[in-house]
Amino acid sequence: MSADLILVVGCTGAGKSTDARALADQLGGLRFSIDEWMVALFWADSPQPIEFAWTMERVNRCEAQIFTMAKQAARRGVSAVLDLG
């Protein structure tokens, strides 16, 4: 059983999330979106104005967890699309 791990990258507003959704649907796989994780986990607690160091620390934590989950999925034959920007 094989699985694909696909990293979607590009400029802001280029359509990465739209493409990632379509790819995950096409593959029957999981989609991991850094924007969705950041909003769900940290937006309510974020400093205003946004601080770069604060944000990057949390982005790095989210990406580490996303990679862990994507590797678990791949070991089980489930494809993953990483929309990490």
PDB file of N, CA and C in Angstrom:
ATOM      1  N   MET A   1       0.856  -1.164   0.000  1.00  0.00           N
ATOM      2  CA  MET A   1       0.000   0.000   0.000  1.00  0.00           C
ATOM      3  C   MET A   1       0.909   1.237   0.000  1.00  0.00           C
ATOM      4  N   SER A   2       0.777   2.085  -1.001  1.00  0.00           N
ATOM      5  CA  SER A   2       1.616   3.274  -1.076  1.00  0.00           C
ATOM      6  C   SER A   2       0.798   4.527  -0.770  1.00  0.00           C
ATOM      7  N   ALA A   3       1.517   5.530  -0.335  1.00  0.00           N
ATOM      8  CA  ALA A   3       0.880   6.804  -0.004  1.00  0.00           C
ATOM      9  C   ALA A   3       1.745   7.926  -0.539  1.00  0.00           C
ATOM     10  N   ASP A   4       1.099   9.011  -0.925  1.00  0.00           N
ATOM     11  CA  ASP A   4       1.800  10.196  -1.391  1.00  0.00           C
ATOM     12  C   ASP A   4       1.838  11.230  -0.275  1.00  0.00           C
ATOM     13  N   LEU A   5       2.959  11.928  -0.170  1.00  0.00           N
ATOM     14  CA  LEU A   5       3.071  13.109   0.677  1.00  0.00           C
ATOM     15  C   LEU A   5       3.355  14.265  -0.266  1.00  0.00           C
ATOM     16  N   ILE A   6       2.428  15.203  -0.340  1.00  0.00           N
ATOM     17  CA  ILE A   6       2.535  16.302  -1.292  1.00  0.00           C
ATOM     18  C   ILE A   6       2.603  17.612  -0.525  1.00  0.00           C
ATOM     19  N   LEU A   7       3.616  18.406  -0.828  1.00  0.00           N
ATOM     20  CA  LEU A   7       3.785  19.722  -0.225  1.00  0.00           C
ATOM     21  C   LEU A   7       3.354  20.767  -1.244  1.00  0.00           C
ATOM     22  N   VAL A   8       2.379  21.586  -0.867  1.00  0.00           N
ATOM     23  CA  VAL A   8       1.878  22.647  -1.734  1.00  0.00           C
ATOM     24  C   VAL A   8       2.449  23.967  -1.235  1.00  0.00           C
ATOM     25  N   VAL A   9       3.183  24.658  -2.109  1.00  0.00           N
ATOM     26  CA  VAL A   9       3.800  25.930  -1.740  1.00  0.00           C
ATOM     27  C   VAL A   9       3.487  26.977  -2.800  1.00  0.00           C
ATOM     28  N   GLY A  10       3.580  28.230  -2.419  1.00  0.00           N
ATOM     29  CA  GLY A  10       3.352  29.320  -3.361  1.00  0.00           C
ATOM     30  C   GLY A  10       3.108  30.620  -2.624  1.00  0.00           C
ATOM     31  N   CYS A  11       2.941  31.653  -3.393  1.00  0.00           N
ATOM     32  CA  CYS A  11       2.717  32.991  -2.841  1.00  0.00           C
ATOM     33  C   CYS A  11       1.321  33.104  -2.227  1.00  0.00           C
ATOM     34  N   THR A  12       1.152  34.084  -1.357  1.00  0.00           N
ATOM     35  CA  THR A  12      -0.145  34.366  -0.763  1.00  0.00           C
ATOM     36  C   THR A  12      -1.159  34.652  -1.864  1.00  0.00           C
ATOM     37  N   GLY A  13      -2.317  34.019  -1.771  1.00  0.00           N
ATOM     38  CA  GLY A  13      -3.388  34.244  -2.733  1.00  0.00           C
ATOM     39  C   GLY A  13      -3.234  33.487  -4.042  1.00  0.00           C
ATOM     40  N   ALA A  14      -2.251  32.583  -4.127  1.00  0.00           N
ATOM     41  CA  ALA A  14      -1.994  31.865  -5.382  1.00  0.00           C
ATOM     42  C   ALA A  14      -2.942  30.691  -5.605  1.00  0.00           C
ATOM     43  N   GLY A  15      -3.689  30.303  -4.576  1.00  0.00           N
ATOM     44  CA  GLY A  15      -4.618  29.188  -4.711  1.00  0.00           C
ATOM     45  C   GLY A  15      -4.118  27.892  -4.090  1.00  0.00           C
ATOM     46  N   LYS A  16      -3.152  27.978  -3.189  1.00  0.00           N
ATOM     47  CA  LYS A  16      -2.594  26.782  -2.557  1.00  0.00           C
ATOM     48  C   LYS A  16      -3.660  25.972  -1.828  1.00  0.00           C
ATOM     49  N   SER A  17      -4.455  26.634  -1.021  1.00  0.00           N
ATOM     50  CA  SER A  17      -5.467  25.915  -0.237  1.00  0.00           C
ATOM     51  C   SER A  17      -6.509  25.268  -1.130  1.00  0.00           C
ATOM     52  N   THR A  18      -6.912  25.972  -2.171  1.00  0.00           N
ATOM     53  CA  THR A  18      -7.881  25.408  -3.120  1.00  0.00           C
ATOM     54  C   THR A  18      -7.304  24.174  -3.793  1.00  0.00           C
ATOM     55  N   ASP A  19      -6.055  24.267  -4.246  1.00  0.00           N
ATOM     56  CA  ASP A  19      -5.404  23.125  -4.889  1.00  0.00           C
ATOM     57  C   ASP A  19      -5.204  21.983  -3.900  1.00  0.00           C
ATOM     58  N   ALA A  20      -4.829  22.299  -2.666  1.00  0.00           N
ATOM     59  CA  ALA A  20      -4.617  21.263  -1.656  1.00  0.00           C
ATOM     60  C   ALA A  20      -5.922  20.515  -1.366  1.00  0.00           C
ATOM     61  N   ARG A  21      -7.023  21.239  -1.273  1.00  0.00           N
ATOM     62  CA  ARG A  21      -8.329  20.586  -1.059  1.00  0.00           C
ATOM     63  C   ARG A  21      -8.637  19.632  -2.208  1.00  0.00           C
ATOM     64  N   ALA A  22      -8.445  20.097  -3.433  1.00  0.00           N
ATOM     65  CA  ALA A  22      -8.739  19.274  -4.606  1.00  0.00           C
ATOM     66  C   ALA A  22      -7.843  18.032  -4.640  1.00  0.00           C
ATOM     67  N   LEU A  23      -6.558  18.199  -4.355  1.00  0.00           N
ATOM     68  CA  LEU A  23      -5.646  17.055  -4.352  1.00  0.00           C
ATOM     69  C   LEU A  23      -6.016  16.039  -3.282  1.00  0.00           C
ATOM     70  N   ALA A  24      -6.319  16.508  -2.087  1.00  0.00           N
ATOM     71  CA  ALA A  24      -6.699  15.589  -1.006  1.00  0.00           C
ATOM     72  C   ALA A  24      -7.960  14.826  -1.380  1.00  0.00           C
ATOM     73  N   ASP A  25      -8.926  15.507  -1.976  1.00  0.00           N
ATOM     74  CA  ASP A  25     -10.147  14.833  -2.418  1.00  0.00           C
ATOM     75  C   ASP A  25      -9.845  13.797  -3.490  1.00  0.00           C
ATOM     76  N   GLN A  26      -9.019  14.178  -4.450  1.00  0.00           N
ATOM     77  CA  GLN A  26      -8.669  13.286  -5.559  1.00  0.00           C
ATOM     78  C   GLN A  26      -7.951  12.027  -5.052  1.00  0.00           C
ATOM     79  N   LEU A  27      -7.067  12.197  -4.075  1.00  0.00           N
ATOM     80  CA  LEU A  27      -6.293  11.080  -3.539  1.00  0.00           C
ATOM     81  C   LEU A  27      -7.034  10.299  -2.460  1.00  0.00           C
ATOM     82  N   GLY A  28      -8.121  10.876  -1.945  1.00  0.00           N
ATOM     83  CA  GLY A  28      -8.788  10.265  -0.802  1.00  0.00           C
ATOM     84  C   GLY A  28      -7.907  10.359   0.437  1.00  0.00           C
ATOM     85  N   GLY A  29      -7.133  11.440   0.510  1.00  0.00           N
ATOM     86  CA  GLY A  29      -6.170  11.596   1.594  1.00  0.00           C
ATOM     87  C   GLY A  29      -6.535  12.702   2.557  1.00  0.00           C
ATOM     88  N   LEU A  30      -5.607  12.976   3.429  1.00  0.00           N
ATOM     89  CA  LEU A  30      -5.764  14.012   4.444  1.00  0.00           C
ATOM     90  C   LEU A  30      -5.135  15.307   3.956  1.00  0.00           C
ATOM     91  N   ARG A  31      -5.705  16.419   4.405  1.00  0.00           N
ATOM     92  CA  ARG A  31      -5.137  17.733   4.090  1.00  0.00           C
ATOM     93  C   ARG A  31      -4.799  18.417   5.395  1.00  0.00           C
ATOM     94  N   PHE A  32      -3.597  18.946   5.473  1.00  0.00           N
ATOM     95  CA  PHE A  32      -3.154  19.690   6.641  1.00  0.00           C
ATOM     96  C   PHE A  32      -2.858  21.115   6.208  1.00  0.00           C
ATOM     97  N   SER A  33      -3.587  22.078   6.755  1.00  0.00           N
ATOM     98  CA  SER A  33      -3.423  23.484   6.404  1.00  0.00           C
ATOM     99  C   SER A  33      -2.890  24.256   7.606  1.00  0.00           C
ATOM    100  N   ILE A  34      -1.693  24.830   7.466  1.00  0.00           N
ATOM    101  CA  ILE A  34      -1.105  25.578   8.573  1.00  0.00           C
ATOM    102  C   ILE A  34      -1.997  26.742   8.990  1.00  0.00           C
ATOM    103  N   ASP A  35      -2.637  27.395   8.036  1.00  0.00           N
ATOM    104  CA  ASP A  35      -3.515  28.522   8.379  1.00  0.00           C
ATOM    105  C   ASP A  35      -4.667  28.072   9.274  1.00  0.00           C
ATOM    106  N   GLU A  36      -5.289  26.949   8.948  1.00  0.00           N
ATOM    107  CA  GLU A  36      -6.404  26.452   9.753  1.00  0.00           C
ATOM    108  C   GLU A  36      -5.944  26.066  11.158  1.00  0.00           C
ATOM    109  N   TRP A  37      -4.788  25.425  11.251  1.00  0.00           N
ATOM    110  CA  TRP A  37      -4.267  25.047  12.570  1.00  0.00           C
ATOM    111  C   TRP A  37      -3.967  26.288  13.397  1.00  0.00           C
ATOM    112  N   MET A  38      -3.325  27.261  12.804  1.00  0.00           N
ATOM    113  CA  MET A  38      -2.958  28.471  13.545  1.00  0.00           C
ATOM    114  C   MET A  38      -4.198  29.220  14.045  1.00  0.00           C
ATOM    115  N   VAL A  39      -5.201  29.340  13.196  1.00  0.00           N
ATOM    116  CA  VAL A  39      -6.430  30.033  13.615  1.00  0.00           C
ATOM    117  C   VAL A  39      -7.118  29.261  14.737  1.00  0.00           C
ATOM    118  N   ALA A  40      -7.277  27.951  14.553  1.00  0.00           N
ATOM    119  CA  ALA A  40      -7.993  27.147  15.546  1.00  0.00           C
ATOM    120  C   ALA A  40      -7.268  27.098  16.888  1.00  0.00           C
ATOM    121  N   LEU A  41      -5.952  27.007  16.853  1.00  0.00           N
ATOM    122  CA  LEU A  41      -5.203  26.810  18.093  1.00  0.00           C
ATOM    123  C   LEU A  41      -4.758  28.098  18.774  1.00  0.00           C
ATOM    124  N   PHE A  42      -4.460  29.150  18.003  1.00  0.00           N
ATOM    125  CA  PHE A  42      -3.769  30.291  18.597  1.00  0.00           C
ATOM    126  C   PHE A  42      -4.389  31.663  18.362  1.00  0.00           C
ATOM    127  N   TRP A  43      -5.276  31.799  17.412  1.00  0.00           N
ATOM    128  CA  TRP A  43      -5.743  33.142  17.057  1.00  0.00           C
ATOM    129  C   TRP A  43      -6.339  33.886  18.248  1.00  0.00           C
ATOM    130  N   ALA A  44      -7.152  33.222  19.046  1.00  0.00           N
ATOM    131  CA  ALA A  44      -7.814  33.891  20.173  1.00  0.00           C
ATOM    132  C   ALA A  44      -6.809  34.418  21.202  1.00  0.00           C
ATOM    133  N   ASP A  45      -5.618  33.822  21.247  1.00  0.00           N
ATOM    134  CA  ASP A  45      -4.606  34.210  22.237  1.00  0.00           C
ATOM    135  C   ASP A  45      -3.483  35.052  21.647  1.00  0.00           C
ATOM    136  N   SER A  46      -3.588  35.388  20.375  1.00  0.00           N
ATOM    137  CA  SER A  46      -2.478  36.073  19.711  1.00  0.00           C
ATOM    138  C   SER A  46      -2.357  37.523  20.166  1.00  0.00           C
ATOM    139  N   PRO A  47      -1.108  37.985  20.306  1.00  0.00           N
ATOM    140  CA  PRO A  47      -0.903  39.380  20.676  1.00  0.00           C
ATOM    141  C   PRO A  47      -1.307  40.299  19.527  1.00  0.00           C
ATOM    142  N   GLN A  48      -1.784  41.458  19.873  1.00  0.00           N
ATOM    143  CA  GLN A  48      -2.138  42.461  18.863  1.00  0.00           C
ATOM    144  C   GLN A  48      -1.330  43.712  19.127  1.00  0.00           C
ATOM    145  N   PRO A  49      -0.572  44.202  18.202  1.00  0.00           N
ATOM    146  CA  PRO A  49      -0.408  43.638  16.866  1.00  0.00           C
ATOM    147  C   PRO A  49       0.375  42.320  16.914  1.00  0.00           C
ATOM    148  N   ILE A  50       0.239  41.536  15.853  1.00  0.00           N
ATOM    149  CA  ILE A  50       0.904  40.239  15.762  1.00  0.00           C
ATOM    150  C   ILE A  50       2.420  40.431  15.877  1.00  0.00           C
ATOM    151  N   GLU A  51       3.046  39.567  16.652  1.00  0.00           N
ATOM    152  CA  GLU A  51       4.496  39.592  16.821  1.00  0.00           C
ATOM    153  C   GLU A  51       5.107  38.432  16.044  1.00  0.00           C
ATOM    154  N   PHE A  52       6.088  38.726  15.207  1.00  0.00           N
ATOM    155  CA  PHE A  52       6.698  37.727  14.337  1.00  0.00           C
ATOM    156  C   PHE A  52       7.259  36.545  15.125  1.00  0.00           C
ATOM    157  N   ALA A  53       8.042  36.804  16.170  1.00  0.00           N
ATOM    158  CA  ALA A  53       8.660  35.716  16.939  1.00  0.00           C
ATOM    159  C   ALA A  53       7.594  34.830  17.589  1.00  0.00           C
ATOM    160  N   TRP A  54       6.550  35.445  18.134  1.00  0.00           N
ATOM    161  CA  TRP A  54       5.452  34.697  18.755  1.00  0.00           C
ATOM    162  C   TRP A  54       4.802  33.783  17.718  1.00  0.00           C
ATOM    163  N   THR A  55       4.536  34.340  16.542  1.00  0.00           N
ATOM    164  CA  THR A  55       3.876  33.582  15.479  1.00  0.00           C
ATOM    165  C   THR A  55       4.749  32.432  14.994  1.00  0.00           C
ATOM    166  N   MET A  56       6.007  32.692  14.719  1.00  0.00           N
ATOM    167  CA  MET A  56       6.885  31.662  14.167  1.00  0.00           C
ATOM    168  C   MET A  56       7.107  30.507  15.136  1.00  0.00           C
ATOM    169  N   GLU A  57       7.163  30.795  16.421  1.00  0.00           N
ATOM    170  CA  GLU A  57       7.286  29.712  17.401  1.00  0.00           C
ATOM    171  C   GLU A  57       6.107  28.746  17.271  1.00  0.00           C
ATOM    172  N   ARG A  58       4.922  29.289  17.120  1.00  0.00           N
ATOM    173  CA  ARG A  58       3.717  28.461  17.020  1.00  0.00           C
ATOM    174  C   ARG A  58       3.598  27.792  15.655  1.00  0.00           C
ATOM    175  N   VAL A  59       4.004  28.466  14.606  1.00  0.00           N
ATOM    176  CA  VAL A  59       4.031  27.841  13.280  1.00  0.00           C
ATOM    177  C   VAL A  59       4.957  26.628  13.314  1.00  0.00           C
ATOM    178  N   ASN A  60       6.127  26.782  13.897  1.00  0.00           N
ATOM    179  CA  ASN A  60       7.080  25.672  13.965  1.00  0.00           C
ATOM    180  C   ASN A  60       6.517  24.493  14.742  1.00  0.00           C
ATOM    181  N   ARG A  61       5.830  24.772  15.854  1.00  0.00           N
ATOM    182  CA  ARG A  61       5.203  23.693  16.627  1.00  0.00           C
ATOM    183  C   ARG A  61       4.130  22.982  15.818  1.00  0.00           C
ATOM    184  N   CYS A  62       3.288  23.771  15.132  1.00  0.00           N
ATOM    185  CA  CYS A  62       2.231  23.182  14.311  1.00  0.00           C
ATOM    186  C   CYS A  62       2.813  22.329  13.192  1.00  0.00           C
ATOM    187  N   GLU A  63       3.831  22.857  12.508  1.00  0.00           N
ATOM    188  CA  GLU A  63       4.431  22.104  11.410  1.00  0.00           C
ATOM    189  C   GLU A  63       5.042  20.799  11.912  1.00  0.00           C
ATOM    190  N   ALA A  64       5.675  20.811  13.070  1.00  0.00           N
ATOM    191  CA  ALA A  64       6.235  19.578  13.627  1.00  0.00           C
ATOM    192  C   ALA A  64       5.141  18.546  13.863  1.00  0.00           C
ATOM    193  N   GLN A  65       4.009  18.980  14.408  1.00  0.00           N
ATOM    194  CA  GLN A  65       2.910  18.054  14.663  1.00  0.00           C
ATOM    195  C   GLN A  65       2.278  17.579  13.352  1.00  0.00           C
ATOM    196  N   ILE A  66       2.153  18.479  12.390  1.00  0.00           N
ATOM    197  CA  ILE A  66       1.617  18.102  11.080  1.00  0.00           C
ATOM    198  C   ILE A  66       2.498  17.039  10.435  1.00  0.00           C
ATOM    199  N   PHE A  67       3.829  17.221  10.463  1.00  0.00           N
ATOM    200  CA  PHE A  67       4.739  16.223   9.881  1.00  0.00           C
ATOM    201  C   PHE A  67       4.601  14.882  10.591  1.00  0.00           C
ATOM    202  N   THR A  68       4.465  14.905  11.909  1.00  0.00           N
ATOM    203  CA  THR A  68       4.266  13.670  12.665  1.00  0.00           C
ATOM    204  C   THR A  68       3.003  12.954  12.211  1.00  0.00           C
ATOM    205  N   MET A  69       1.910  13.697  12.073  1.00  0.00           N
ATOM    206  CA  MET A  69       0.646  13.102  11.659  1.00  0.00           C
ATOM    207  C   MET A  69       0.711  12.603  10.211  1.00  0.00           C
ATOM    208  N   ALA A  70       1.353  13.367   9.327  1.00  0.00           N
ATOM    209  CA  ALA A  70       1.472  12.967   7.926  1.00  0.00           C
ATOM    210  C   ALA A  70       2.295  11.687   7.795  1.00  0.00           C
ATOM    211  N   LYS A  71       3.355  11.554   8.581  1.00  0.00           N
ATOM    212  CA  LYS A  71       4.162  10.328   8.545  1.00  0.00           C
ATOM    213  C   LYS A  71       3.361   9.133   9.046  1.00  0.00           C
ATOM    214  N   GLN A  72       2.553   9.331  10.079  1.00  0.00           N
ATOM    215  CA  GLN A  72       1.697   8.244  10.569  1.00  0.00           C
ATOM    216  C   GLN A  72       0.716   7.812   9.486  1.00  0.00           C
ATOM    217  N   ALA A  73       0.129   8.797   8.811  1.00  0.00           N
ATOM    218  CA  ALA A  73      -0.817   8.492   7.741  1.00  0.00           C
ATOM    219  C   ALA A  73      -0.131   7.697   6.636  1.00  0.00           C
ATOM    220  N   ALA A  74       1.063   8.136   6.233  1.00  0.00           N
ATOM    221  CA  ALA A  74       1.787   7.466   5.152  1.00  0.00           C
ATOM    222  C   ALA A  74       2.100   6.018   5.517  1.00  0.00           C
ATOM    223  N   ARG A  75       2.483   5.775   6.771  1.00  0.00           N
ATOM    224  CA  ARG A  75       2.759   4.397   7.203  1.00  0.00           C
ATOM    225  C   ARG A  75       1.516   3.518   7.107  1.00  0.00           C
ATOM    226  N   ARG A  76       0.351   4.135   7.133  1.00  0.00           N
ATOM    227  CA  ARG A  76      -0.908   3.393   7.027  1.00  0.00           C
ATOM    228  C   ARG A  76      -1.482   3.401   5.615  1.00  0.00           C
ATOM    229  N   GLY A  77      -0.711   3.945   4.673  1.00  0.00           N
ATOM    230  CA  GLY A  77      -1.133   3.951   3.288  1.00  0.00           C
ATOM    231  C   GLY A  77      -2.083   5.068   2.933  1.00  0.00           C
ATOM    232  N   VAL A  78      -2.162   6.101   3.767  1.00  0.00           N
ATOM    233  CA  VAL A  78      -3.053   7.224   3.523  1.00  0.00           C
ATOM    234  C   VAL A  78      -2.219   8.414   3.059  1.00  0.00           C
ATOM    235  N   SER A  79      -2.574   8.970   1.921  1.00  0.00           N
ATOM    236  CA  SER A  79      -1.857  10.119   1.389  1.00  0.00           C
ATOM    237  C   SER A  79      -2.156  11.363   2.216  1.00  0.00           C
ATOM    238  N   ALA A  80      -1.210  12.321   2.168  1.00  0.00           N
ATOM    239  CA  ALA A  80      -1.393  13.577   2.876  1.00  0.00           C
ATOM    240  C   ALA A  80      -0.935  14.725   1.986  1.00  0.00           C
ATOM    241  N   VAL A  81      -1.701  15.801   2.040  1.00  0.00           N
ATOM    242  CA  VAL A  81      -1.375  17.020   1.309  1.00  0.00           C
ATOM    243  C   VAL A  81      -1.082  18.092   2.354  1.00  0.00           C
ATOM    244  N   LEU A  82       0.123  18.655   2.291  1.00  0.00           N
ATOM    245  CA  LEU A  82       0.565  19.636   3.274  1.00  0.00           C
ATOM    246  C   LEU A  82       0.481  21.023   2.660  1.00  0.00           C
ATOM    247  N   ASP A  83      -0.444  21.823   3.157  1.00  0.00           N
ATOM    248  CA  ASP A  83      -0.658  23.201   2.711  1.00  0.00           C
ATOM    249  C   ASP A  83       0.007  24.094   3.749  1.00  0.00           C
ATOM    250  N   LEU A  84       1.327  24.240   3.602  1.00  0.00           N
ATOM    251  CA  LEU A  84       2.098  24.930   4.628  1.00  0.00           C
ATOM    252  C   LEU A  84       2.539  26.334   4.220  1.00  0.00           C
ATOM    253  N   GLY A  85       2.229  26.730   3.013  1.00  0.00           N
ATOM    254  CA  GLY A  85       2.558  28.087   2.606  1.00  0.00           C
ATOM    255  C   GLY A  85       3.973  28.326   2.456  1.00  0.00           C
TER     256      GLY A  85
END
